[in-house]
Amino acid sequence: RLVFLVKYFDFYQFYRKRDFLPAAELLVNLLDSKITPEYF
C-alpha cells in the first residue's frame, strides 16, 4: 500500500509539472500493478 502511495505521488508530481508522458506511463503501470486498493 505504501508502494502504491509513493508511486501515485510520483504520478501526482508529474501531472502537476505538466510532464504528461511519464505521468501517463506511471498511471497505466499503477492500473496494471494489482496493488490498487478498491476504494481508490
ModelCIF file with pLDDT and N, C-alpha, C, O atoms, coordinates in Angstrom:
data_MODEL
#
_entry.id   MODEL 
#
_entity.id                         1 
_entity.type                       polymer 
_entity.pdbx_number_of_molecules   1 
#
_entity_poly.entity_id                      1 
_entity_poly.type                           'polypeptide(L)' 
_entity_poly.nstd_linkage                   no 
_entity_poly.nstd_monomer                   no 
_entity_poly.pdbx_seq_one_letter_code       RLVFLVKYFDFYQFYRKRDFLPAAELLVNLLDSKITPEYF 
_entity_poly.pdbx_seq_one_letter_code_can   RLVFLVKYFDFYQFYRKRDFLPAAELLVNLLDSKITPEYF 
_entity_poly.pdbx_strand_id                 A 
#
loop_
_entity_poly_seq.entity_id 
_entity_poly_seq.num 
_entity_poly_seq.mon_id 
_entity_poly_seq.hetero 
1 1  ARG n 
1 2  LEU n 
1 3  VAL n 
1 4  PHE n 
1 5  LEU n 
1 6  VAL n 
1 7  LYS n 
1 8  TYR n 
1 9  PHE n 
1 10 ASP n 
1 11 PHE n 
1 12 TYR n 
1 13 GLN n 
1 14 PHE n 
1 15 TYR n 
1 16 ARG n 
1 17 LYS n 
1 18 ARG n 
1 19 ASP n 
1 20 PHE n 
1 21 LEU n 
1 22 PRO n 
1 23 ALA n 
1 24 ALA n 
1 25 GLU n 
1 26 LEU n 
1 27 LEU n 
1 28 VAL n 
1 29 ASN n 
1 30 LEU n 
1 31 LEU n 
1 32 ASP n 
1 33 SER n 
1 34 LYS n 
1 35 ILE n 
1 36 THR n 
1 37 PRO n 
1 38 GLU n 
1 39 TYR n 
1 40 PHE n 
#
_struct_asym.id          A 
_struct_asym.entity_id   1 
#
loop_
_ma_qa_metric.id 
_ma_qa_metric.mode 
_ma_qa_metric.name 
_ma_qa_metric.software_group_id 
_ma_qa_metric.type 
1 global pLDDT . pLDDT 
2 local  pLDDT . pLDDT 
#
_ma_qa_metric_global.metric_id      1 
_ma_qa_metric_global.metric_value   87.08 
_ma_qa_metric_global.model_id       1 
_ma_qa_metric_global.ordinal_id     1 
#
loop_
_ma_qa_metric_local.label_asym_id 
_ma_qa_metric_local.label_comp_id 
_ma_qa_metric_local.label_seq_id 
_ma_qa_metric_local.metric_id 
_ma_qa_metric_local.metric_value 
_ma_qa_metric_local.model_id 
_ma_qa_metric_local.ordinal_id 
A ARG 1  2 94.00 1 1  
A LEU 2  2 95.00 1 2  
A VAL 3  2 94.00 1 3  
A PHE 4  2 93.00 1 4  
A LEU 5  2 94.00 1 5  
A VAL 6  2 94.00 1 6  
A LYS 7  2 93.00 1 7  
A TYR 8  2 92.00 1 8  
A PHE 9  2 93.00 1 9  
A ASP 10 2 92.00 1 10 
A PHE 11 2 88.00 1 11 
A TYR 12 2 88.00 1 12 
A GLN 13 2 89.00 1 13 
A PHE 14 2 88.00 1 14 
A TYR 15 2 83.00 1 15 
A ARG 16 2 84.00 1 16 
A LYS 17 2 85.00 1 17 
A ARG 18 2 83.00 1 18 
A ASP 19 2 85.00 1 19 
A PHE 20 2 81.00 1 20 
A LEU 21 2 83.00 1 21 
A PRO 22 2 86.00 1 22 
A ALA 23 2 85.00 1 23 
A ALA 24 2 83.00 1 24 
A GLU 25 2 84.00 1 25 
A LEU 26 2 88.00 1 26 
A LEU 27 2 84.00 1 27 
A VAL 28 2 84.00 1 28 
A ASN 29 2 86.00 1 29 
A LEU 30 2 86.00 1 30 
A LEU 31 2 83.00 1 31 
A ASP 32 2 83.00 1 32 
A SER 33 2 84.00 1 33 
A LYS 34 2 83.00 1 34 
A ILE 35 2 89.00 1 35 
A THR 36 2 86.00 1 36 
A PRO 37 2 88.00 1 37 
A GLU 38 2 81.00 1 38 
A TYR 39 2 83.00 1 39 
A PHE 40 2 86.00 1 40 
#
loop_
_atom_site.group_PDB 
_atom_site.id 
_atom_site.type_symbol 
_atom_site.label_atom_id 
_atom_site.label_alt_id 
_atom_site.label_comp_id 
_atom_site.label_asym_id 
_atom_site.label_entity_id 
_atom_site.label_seq_id 
_atom_site.pdbx_PDB_ins_code 
_atom_site.Cartn_x 
_atom_site.Cartn_y 
_atom_site.Cartn_z 
_atom_site.occupancy 
_atom_site.B_iso_or_equiv 
_atom_site.pdbx_formal_charge 
_atom_site.auth_seq_id 
_atom_site.auth_comp_id 
_atom_site.auth_asym_id 
_atom_site.auth_atom_id 
_atom_site.pdbx_PDB_model_num 
ATOM 1   N N  . ARG A 1 1  ? 0.826   -1.198 0.000   1.00 94.00 ? 1  ARG A N  1 
ATOM 2   C CA . ARG A 1 1  ? 0.000   0.000  0.000   1.00 94.00 ? 1  ARG A CA 1 
ATOM 3   C C  . ARG A 1 1  ? 0.867   1.257  0.000   1.00 94.00 ? 1  ARG A C  1 
ATOM 4   O O  . ARG A 1 1  ? 0.530   2.261  -0.627  1.00 94.00 ? 1  ARG A O  1 
ATOM 5   N N  . LEU A 1 2  ? 2.007   1.181  0.726   1.00 95.00 ? 2  LEU A N  1 
ATOM 6   C CA . LEU A 1 2  ? 2.932   2.313  0.743   1.00 95.00 ? 2  LEU A CA 1 
ATOM 7   C C  . LEU A 1 2  ? 3.588   2.480  -0.629  1.00 95.00 ? 2  LEU A C  1 
ATOM 8   O O  . LEU A 1 2  ? 3.825   3.602  -1.077  1.00 95.00 ? 2  LEU A O  1 
ATOM 9   N N  . VAL A 1 3  ? 3.882   1.344  -1.302  1.00 94.00 ? 3  VAL A N  1 
ATOM 10  C CA . VAL A 1 3  ? 4.424   1.421  -2.669  1.00 94.00 ? 3  VAL A CA 1 
ATOM 11  C C  . VAL A 1 3  ? 3.442   2.149  -3.573  1.00 94.00 ? 3  VAL A C  1 
ATOM 12  O O  . VAL A 1 3  ? 3.836   3.004  -4.366  1.00 94.00 ? 3  VAL A O  1 
ATOM 13  N N  . PHE A 1 4  ? 2.149   1.805  -3.451  1.00 93.00 ? 4  PHE A N  1 
ATOM 14  C CA . PHE A 1 4  ? 1.139   2.464  -4.278  1.00 93.00 ? 4  PHE A CA 1 
ATOM 15  C C  . PHE A 1 4  ? 1.074   3.962  -3.968  1.00 93.00 ? 4  PHE A C  1 
ATOM 16  O O  . PHE A 1 4  ? 0.975   4.784  -4.879  1.00 93.00 ? 4  PHE A O  1 
ATOM 17  N N  . LEU A 1 5  ? 1.130   4.313  -2.671  1.00 94.00 ? 5  LEU A N  1 
ATOM 18  C CA . LEU A 1 5  ? 1.077   5.720  -2.283  1.00 94.00 ? 5  LEU A CA 1 
ATOM 19  C C  . LEU A 1 5  ? 2.238   6.498  -2.890  1.00 94.00 ? 5  LEU A C  1 
ATOM 20  O O  . LEU A 1 5  ? 2.044   7.583  -3.438  1.00 94.00 ? 5  LEU A O  1 
ATOM 21  N N  . VAL A 1 6  ? 3.449   5.945  -2.792  1.00 94.00 ? 6  VAL A N  1 
ATOM 22  C CA . VAL A 1 6  ? 4.632   6.637  -3.316  1.00 94.00 ? 6  VAL A CA 1 
ATOM 23  C C  . VAL A 1 6  ? 4.548   6.775  -4.832  1.00 94.00 ? 6  VAL A C  1 
ATOM 24  O O  . VAL A 1 6  ? 4.831   7.843  -5.375  1.00 94.00 ? 6  VAL A O  1 
ATOM 25  N N  . LYS A 1 7  ? 4.160   5.698  -5.519  1.00 93.00 ? 7  LYS A N  1 
ATOM 26  C CA . LYS A 1 7  ? 4.083   5.753  -6.977  1.00 93.00 ? 7  LYS A CA 1 
ATOM 27  C C  . LYS A 1 7  ? 2.972   6.687  -7.444  1.00 93.00 ? 7  LYS A C  1 
ATOM 28  O O  . LYS A 1 7  ? 3.130   7.408  -8.430  1.00 93.00 ? 7  LYS A O  1 
ATOM 29  N N  . TYR A 1 8  ? 1.859   6.671  -6.737  1.00 92.00 ? 8  TYR A N  1 
ATOM 30  C CA . TYR A 1 8  ? 0.801   7.602  -7.113  1.00 92.00 ? 8  TYR A CA 1 
ATOM 31  C C  . TYR A 1 8  ? 1.242   9.045  -6.862  1.00 92.00 ? 8  TYR A C  1 
ATOM 32  O O  . TYR A 1 8  ? 0.898   9.951  -7.621  1.00 92.00 ? 8  TYR A O  1 
ATOM 33  N N  . PHE A 1 9  ? 2.005   9.245  -5.793  1.00 93.00 ? 9  PHE A N  1 
ATOM 34  C CA . PHE A 1 9  ? 2.520   10.597 -5.530  1.00 93.00 ? 9  PHE A CA 1 
ATOM 35  C C  . PHE A 1 9  ? 3.463   11.029 -6.652  1.00 93.00 ? 9  PHE A C  1 
ATOM 36  O O  . PHE A 1 9  ? 3.462   12.201 -7.029  1.00 93.00 ? 9  PHE A O  1 
ATOM 37  N N  . ASP A 1 10 ? 4.271   10.107 -7.198  1.00 92.00 ? 10 ASP A N  1 
ATOM 38  C CA . ASP A 1 10 ? 5.136   10.436 -8.334  1.00 92.00 ? 10 ASP A CA 1 
ATOM 39  C C  . ASP A 1 10 ? 4.290   10.860 -9.535  1.00 92.00 ? 10 ASP A C  1 
ATOM 40  O O  . ASP A 1 10 ? 4.603   11.834 -10.220 1.00 92.00 ? 10 ASP A O  1 
ATOM 41  N N  . PHE A 1 11 ? 3.199   10.098 -9.779  1.00 88.00 ? 11 PHE A N  1 
ATOM 42  C CA . PHE A 1 11 ? 2.283   10.485 -10.854 1.00 88.00 ? 11 PHE A CA 1 
ATOM 43  C C  . PHE A 1 11 ? 1.707   11.882 -10.600 1.00 88.00 ? 11 PHE A C  1 
ATOM 44  O O  . PHE A 1 11 ? 1.607   12.714 -11.501 1.00 88.00 ? 11 PHE A O  1 
ATOM 45  N N  . TYR A 1 12 ? 1.340   12.101 -9.356  1.00 88.00 ? 12 TYR A N  1 
ATOM 46  C CA . TYR A 1 12 ? 0.771   13.389 -8.942  1.00 88.00 ? 12 TYR A CA 1 
ATOM 47  C C  . TYR A 1 12 ? 1.753   14.529 -9.225  1.00 88.00 ? 12 TYR A C  1 
ATOM 48  O O  . TYR A 1 12 ? 1.355   15.601 -9.681  1.00 88.00 ? 12 TYR A O  1 
ATOM 49  N N  . GLN A 1 13 ? 3.045   14.287 -8.949  1.00 89.00 ? 13 GLN A N  1 
ATOM 50  C CA . GLN A 1 13 ? 4.067   15.296 -9.186  1.00 89.00 ? 13 GLN A CA 1 
ATOM 51  C C  . GLN A 1 13 ? 4.273   15.551 -10.678 1.00 89.00 ? 13 GLN A C  1 
ATOM 52  O O  . GLN A 1 13 ? 4.357   16.700 -11.112 1.00 89.00 ? 13 GLN A O  1 
ATOM 53  N N  . PHE A 1 14 ? 4.353   14.459 -11.470 1.00 88.00 ? 14 PHE A N  1 
ATOM 54  C CA . PHE A 1 14 ? 4.500   14.612 -12.925 1.00 88.00 ? 14 PHE A CA 1 
ATOM 55  C C  . PHE A 1 14 ? 3.332   15.409 -13.502 1.00 88.00 ? 14 PHE A C  1 
ATOM 56  O O  . PHE A 1 14 ? 3.501   16.283 -14.352 1.00 88.00 ? 14 PHE A O  1 
ATOM 57  N N  . TYR A 1 15 ? 2.150   15.075 -13.008 1.00 83.00 ? 15 TYR A N  1 
ATOM 58  C CA . TYR A 1 15 ? 0.955   15.723 -13.548 1.00 83.00 ? 15 TYR A CA 1 
ATOM 59  C C  . TYR A 1 15 ? 0.950   17.219 -13.232 1.00 83.00 ? 15 TYR A C  1 
ATOM 60  O O  . TYR A 1 15 ? 0.596   18.036 -14.083 1.00 83.00 ? 15 TYR A O  1 
ATOM 61  N N  . ARG A 1 16 ? 1.347   17.578 -11.999 1.00 84.00 ? 16 ARG A N  1 
ATOM 62  C CA . ARG A 1 16 ? 1.384   18.985 -11.611 1.00 84.00 ? 16 ARG A CA 1 
ATOM 63  C C  . ARG A 1 16 ? 2.403   19.764 -12.433 1.00 84.00 ? 16 ARG A C  1 
ATOM 64  O O  . ARG A 1 16 ? 2.209   20.949 -12.707 1.00 84.00 ? 16 ARG A O  1 
ATOM 65  N N  . LYS A 1 17 ? 3.493   19.099 -12.828 1.00 85.00 ? 17 LYS A N  1 
ATOM 66  C CA . LYS A 1 17 ? 4.520   19.761 -13.626 1.00 85.00 ? 17 LYS A CA 1 
ATOM 67  C C  . LYS A 1 17 ? 4.196   19.719 -15.131 1.00 85.00 ? 17 LYS A C  1 
ATOM 68  O O  . LYS A 1 17 ? 4.973   20.195 -15.958 1.00 85.00 ? 17 LYS A O  1 
ATOM 69  N N  . ARG A 1 18 ? 3.009   19.129 -15.471 1.00 83.00 ? 18 ARG A N  1 
ATOM 70  C CA . ARG A 1 18 ? 2.560   19.004 -16.859 1.00 83.00 ? 18 ARG A CA 1 
ATOM 71  C C  . ARG A 1 18 ? 3.530   18.158 -17.670 1.00 83.00 ? 18 ARG A C  1 
ATOM 72  O O  . ARG A 1 18 ? 3.692   18.340 -18.877 1.00 83.00 ? 18 ARG A O  1 
ATOM 73  N N  . ASP A 1 19 ? 4.160   17.240 -16.977 1.00 85.00 ? 19 ASP A N  1 
ATOM 74  C CA . ASP A 1 19 ? 5.035   16.280 -17.650 1.00 85.00 ? 19 ASP A CA 1 
ATOM 75  C C  . ASP A 1 19 ? 4.196   15.041 -17.925 1.00 85.00 ? 19 ASP A C  1 
ATOM 76  O O  . ASP A 1 19 ? 4.283   14.051 -17.200 1.00 85.00 ? 19 ASP A O  1 
ATOM 77  N N  . PHE A 1 20 ? 3.379   15.100 -18.981 1.00 81.00 ? 20 PHE A N  1 
ATOM 78  C CA . PHE A 1 20 ? 2.282   14.152 -19.164 1.00 81.00 ? 20 PHE A CA 1 
ATOM 79  C C  . PHE A 1 20 ? 2.720   12.759 -19.616 1.00 81.00 ? 20 PHE A C  1 
ATOM 80  O O  . PHE A 1 20 ? 2.095   11.767 -19.239 1.00 81.00 ? 20 PHE A O  1 
ATOM 81  N N  . LEU A 1 21 ? 3.781   12.672 -20.416 1.00 83.00 ? 21 LEU A N  1 
ATOM 82  C CA . LEU A 1 21 ? 4.183   11.353 -20.918 1.00 83.00 ? 21 LEU A CA 1 
ATOM 83  C C  . LEU A 1 21 ? 4.604   10.406 -19.789 1.00 83.00 ? 21 LEU A C  1 
ATOM 84  O O  . LEU A 1 21 ? 4.073   9.299  -19.711 1.00 83.00 ? 21 LEU A O  1 
ATOM 85  N N  . PRO A 1 22 ? 5.552   10.802 -18.896 1.00 86.00 ? 22 PRO A N  1 
ATOM 86  C CA . PRO A 1 22 ? 5.863   9.886  -17.780 1.00 86.00 ? 22 PRO A CA 1 
ATOM 87  C C  . PRO A 1 22 ? 4.683   9.708  -16.834 1.00 86.00 ? 22 PRO A C  1 
ATOM 88  O O  . PRO A 1 22 ? 4.529   8.648  -16.228 1.00 86.00 ? 22 PRO A O  1 
ATOM 89  N N  . ALA A 1 23 ? 3.838   10.751 -16.701 1.00 85.00 ? 23 ALA A N  1 
ATOM 90  C CA . ALA A 1 23 ? 2.661   10.631 -15.847 1.00 85.00 ? 23 ALA A CA 1 
ATOM 91  C C  . ALA A 1 23 ? 1.716   9.570  -16.385 1.00 85.00 ? 23 ALA A C  1 
ATOM 92  O O  . ALA A 1 23 ? 1.176   8.759  -15.632 1.00 85.00 ? 23 ALA A O  1 
ATOM 93  N N  . ALA A 1 24 ? 1.524   9.587  -17.695 1.00 83.00 ? 24 ALA A N  1 
ATOM 94  C CA . ALA A 1 24 ? 0.629   8.603  -18.305 1.00 83.00 ? 24 ALA A CA 1 
ATOM 95  C C  . ALA A 1 24 ? 1.180   7.196  -18.166 1.00 83.00 ? 24 ALA A C  1 
ATOM 96  O O  . ALA A 1 24 ? 0.445   6.256  -17.863 1.00 83.00 ? 24 ALA A O  1 
ATOM 97  N N  . GLU A 1 25 ? 2.509   7.054  -18.395 1.00 84.00 ? 25 GLU A N  1 
ATOM 98  C CA . GLU A 1 25 ? 3.131   5.730  -18.274 1.00 84.00 ? 25 GLU A CA 1 
ATOM 99  C C  . GLU A 1 25 ? 2.999   5.194  -16.848 1.00 84.00 ? 25 GLU A C  1 
ATOM 100 O O  . GLU A 1 25 ? 2.703   4.018  -16.637 1.00 84.00 ? 25 GLU A O  1 
ATOM 101 N N  . LEU A 1 26 ? 3.220   6.067  -15.890 1.00 88.00 ? 26 LEU A N  1 
ATOM 102 C CA . LEU A 1 26 ? 3.133   5.652  -14.486 1.00 88.00 ? 26 LEU A CA 1 
ATOM 103 C C  . LEU A 1 26 ? 1.699   5.297  -14.112 1.00 88.00 ? 26 LEU A C  1 
ATOM 104 O O  . LEU A 1 26 ? 1.465   4.347  -13.364 1.00 88.00 ? 26 LEU A O  1 
ATOM 105 N N  . LEU A 1 27 ? 0.742   6.058  -14.630 1.00 84.00 ? 27 LEU A N  1 
ATOM 106 C CA . LEU A 1 27 ? -0.657  5.790  -14.318 1.00 84.00 ? 27 LEU A CA 1 
ATOM 107 C C  . LEU A 1 27 ? -1.091  4.433  -14.854 1.00 84.00 ? 27 LEU A C  1 
ATOM 108 O O  . LEU A 1 27 ? -1.774  3.676  -14.163 1.00 84.00 ? 27 LEU A O  1 
ATOM 109 N N  . VAL A 1 28 ? -0.693  4.124  -16.087 1.00 84.00 ? 28 VAL A N  1 
ATOM 110 C CA . VAL A 1 28 ? -1.044  2.827  -16.668 1.00 84.00 ? 28 VAL A CA 1 
ATOM 111 C C  . VAL A 1 28 ? -0.396  1.691  -15.876 1.00 84.00 ? 28 VAL A C  1 
ATOM 112 O O  . VAL A 1 28 ? -1.011  0.649  -15.649 1.00 84.00 ? 28 VAL A O  1 
ATOM 113 N N  . ASN A 1 29 ? 0.858   1.908  -15.458 1.00 86.00 ? 29 ASN A N  1 
ATOM 114 C CA . ASN A 1 29 ? 1.535   0.885  -14.656 1.00 86.00 ? 29 ASN A CA 1 
ATOM 115 C C  . ASN A 1 29 ? 0.805   0.644  -13.333 1.00 86.00 ? 29 ASN A C  1 
ATOM 116 O O  . ASN A 1 29 ? 0.718   -0.492 -12.866 1.00 86.00 ? 29 ASN A O  1 
ATOM 117 N N  . LEU A 1 30 ? 0.287   1.705  -12.738 1.00 86.00 ? 30 LEU A N  1 
ATOM 118 C CA . LEU A 1 30 ? -0.474  1.551  -11.489 1.00 86.00 ? 30 LEU A CA 1 
ATOM 119 C C  . LEU A 1 30 ? -1.755  0.765  -11.725 1.00 86.00 ? 30 LEU A C  1 
ATOM 120 O O  . LEU A 1 30 ? -2.148  -0.053 -10.894 1.00 86.00 ? 30 LEU A O  1 
ATOM 121 N N  . LEU A 1 31 ? -2.411  1.015  -12.865 1.00 83.00 ? 31 LEU A N  1 
ATOM 122 C CA . LEU A 1 31 ? -3.643  0.287  -13.178 1.00 83.00 ? 31 LEU A CA 1 
ATOM 123 C C  . LEU A 1 31 ? -3.378  -1.205 -13.343 1.00 83.00 ? 31 LEU A C  1 
ATOM 124 O O  . LEU A 1 31 ? -4.222  -2.039 -13.017 1.00 83.00 ? 31 LEU A O  1 
ATOM 125 N N  . ASP A 1 32 ? -2.186  -1.526 -13.858 1.00 83.00 ? 32 ASP A N  1 
ATOM 126 C CA . ASP A 1 32 ? -1.851  -2.931 -14.108 1.00 83.00 ? 32 ASP A CA 1 
ATOM 127 C C  . ASP A 1 32 ? -1.154  -3.605 -12.919 1.00 83.00 ? 32 ASP A C  1 
ATOM 128 O O  . ASP A 1 32 ? -0.886  -4.805 -12.959 1.00 83.00 ? 32 ASP A O  1 
ATOM 129 N N  . SER A 1 33 ? -0.863  -2.839 -11.868 1.00 84.00 ? 33 SER A N  1 
ATOM 130 C CA . SER A 1 33 ? 0.004   -3.339 -10.795 1.00 84.00 ? 33 SER A CA 1 
ATOM 131 C C  . SER A 1 33 ? -0.665  -4.318 -9.842  1.00 84.00 ? 33 SER A C  1 
ATOM 132 O O  . SER A 1 33 ? 0.035   -5.035 -9.126  1.00 84.00 ? 33 SER A O  1 
ATOM 133 N N  . LYS A 1 34 ? -1.954  -4.374 -9.805  1.00 83.00 ? 34 LYS A N  1 
ATOM 134 C CA . LYS A 1 34 ? -2.703  -5.240 -8.881  1.00 83.00 ? 34 LYS A CA 1 
ATOM 135 C C  . LYS A 1 34 ? -2.553  -4.825 -7.409  1.00 83.00 ? 34 LYS A C  1 
ATOM 136 O O  . LYS A 1 34 ? -2.915  -5.590 -6.516  1.00 83.00 ? 34 LYS A O  1 
ATOM 137 N N  . ILE A 1 35 ? -2.025  -3.625 -7.152  1.00 89.00 ? 35 ILE A N  1 
ATOM 138 C CA . ILE A 1 35 ? -1.872  -3.173 -5.763  1.00 89.00 ? 35 ILE A CA 1 
ATOM 139 C C  . ILE A 1 35 ? -2.784  -1.984 -5.472  1.00 89.00 ? 35 ILE A C  1 
ATOM 140 O O  . ILE A 1 35 ? -2.707  -1.390 -4.396  1.00 89.00 ? 35 ILE A O  1 
ATOM 141 N N  . THR A 1 36 ? -3.655  -1.630 -6.437  1.00 86.00 ? 36 THR A N  1 
ATOM 142 C CA . THR A 1 36 ? -4.562  -0.507 -6.235  1.00 86.00 ? 36 THR A CA 1 
ATOM 143 C C  . THR A 1 36 ? -5.671  -0.903 -5.262  1.00 86.00 ? 36 THR A C  1 
ATOM 144 O O  . THR A 1 36 ? -6.379  -1.878 -5.511  1.00 86.00 ? 36 THR A O  1 
ATOM 145 N N  . PRO A 1 37 ? -5.838  -0.179 -4.173  1.00 88.00 ? 37 PRO A N  1 
ATOM 146 C CA . PRO A 1 37 ? -6.930  -0.501 -3.232  1.00 88.00 ? 37 PRO A CA 1 
ATOM 147 C C  . PRO A 1 37 ? -8.289  -0.233 -3.865  1.00 88.00 ? 37 PRO A C  1 
ATOM 148 O O  . PRO A 1 37 ? -8.434  0.644  -4.718  1.00 88.00 ? 37 PRO A O  1 
ATOM 149 N N  . GLU A 1 38 ? -9.259  -0.988 -3.439  1.00 81.00 ? 38 GLU A N  1 
ATOM 150 C CA . GLU A 1 38 ? -10.599 -0.904 -4.030  1.00 81.00 ? 38 GLU A CA 1 
ATOM 151 C C  . GLU A 1 38 ? -11.179 0.505  -3.977  1.00 81.00 ? 38 GLU A C  1 
ATOM 152 O O  . GLU A 1 38 ? -11.765 0.979  -4.950  1.00 81.00 ? 38 GLU A O  1 
ATOM 153 N N  . TYR A 1 39 ? -11.011 1.171  -2.831  1.00 83.00 ? 39 TYR A N  1 
ATOM 154 C CA . TYR A 1 39 ? -11.612 2.490  -2.669  1.00 83.00 ? 39 TYR A CA 1 
ATOM 155 C C  . TYR A 1 39 ? -10.961 3.556  -3.552  1.00 83.00 ? 39 TYR A C  1 
ATOM 156 O O  . TYR A 1 39 ? -11.507 4.649  -3.707  1.00 83.00 ? 39 TYR A O  1 
ATOM 157 N N  . PHE A 1 40 ? -9.783  3.242  -4.138  1.00 86.00 ? 40 PHE A N  1 
ATOM 158 C CA . PHE A 1 40 ? -9.082  4.256  -4.922  1.00 86.00 ? 40 PHE A CA 1 
ATOM 159 C C  . PHE A 1 40 ? -9.302  4.108  -6.429  1.00 86.00 ? 40 PHE A C  1 
ATOM 160 O O  . PHE A 1 40 ? -8.770  4.895  -7.212  1.00 86.00 ? 40 PHE A O  1 
#
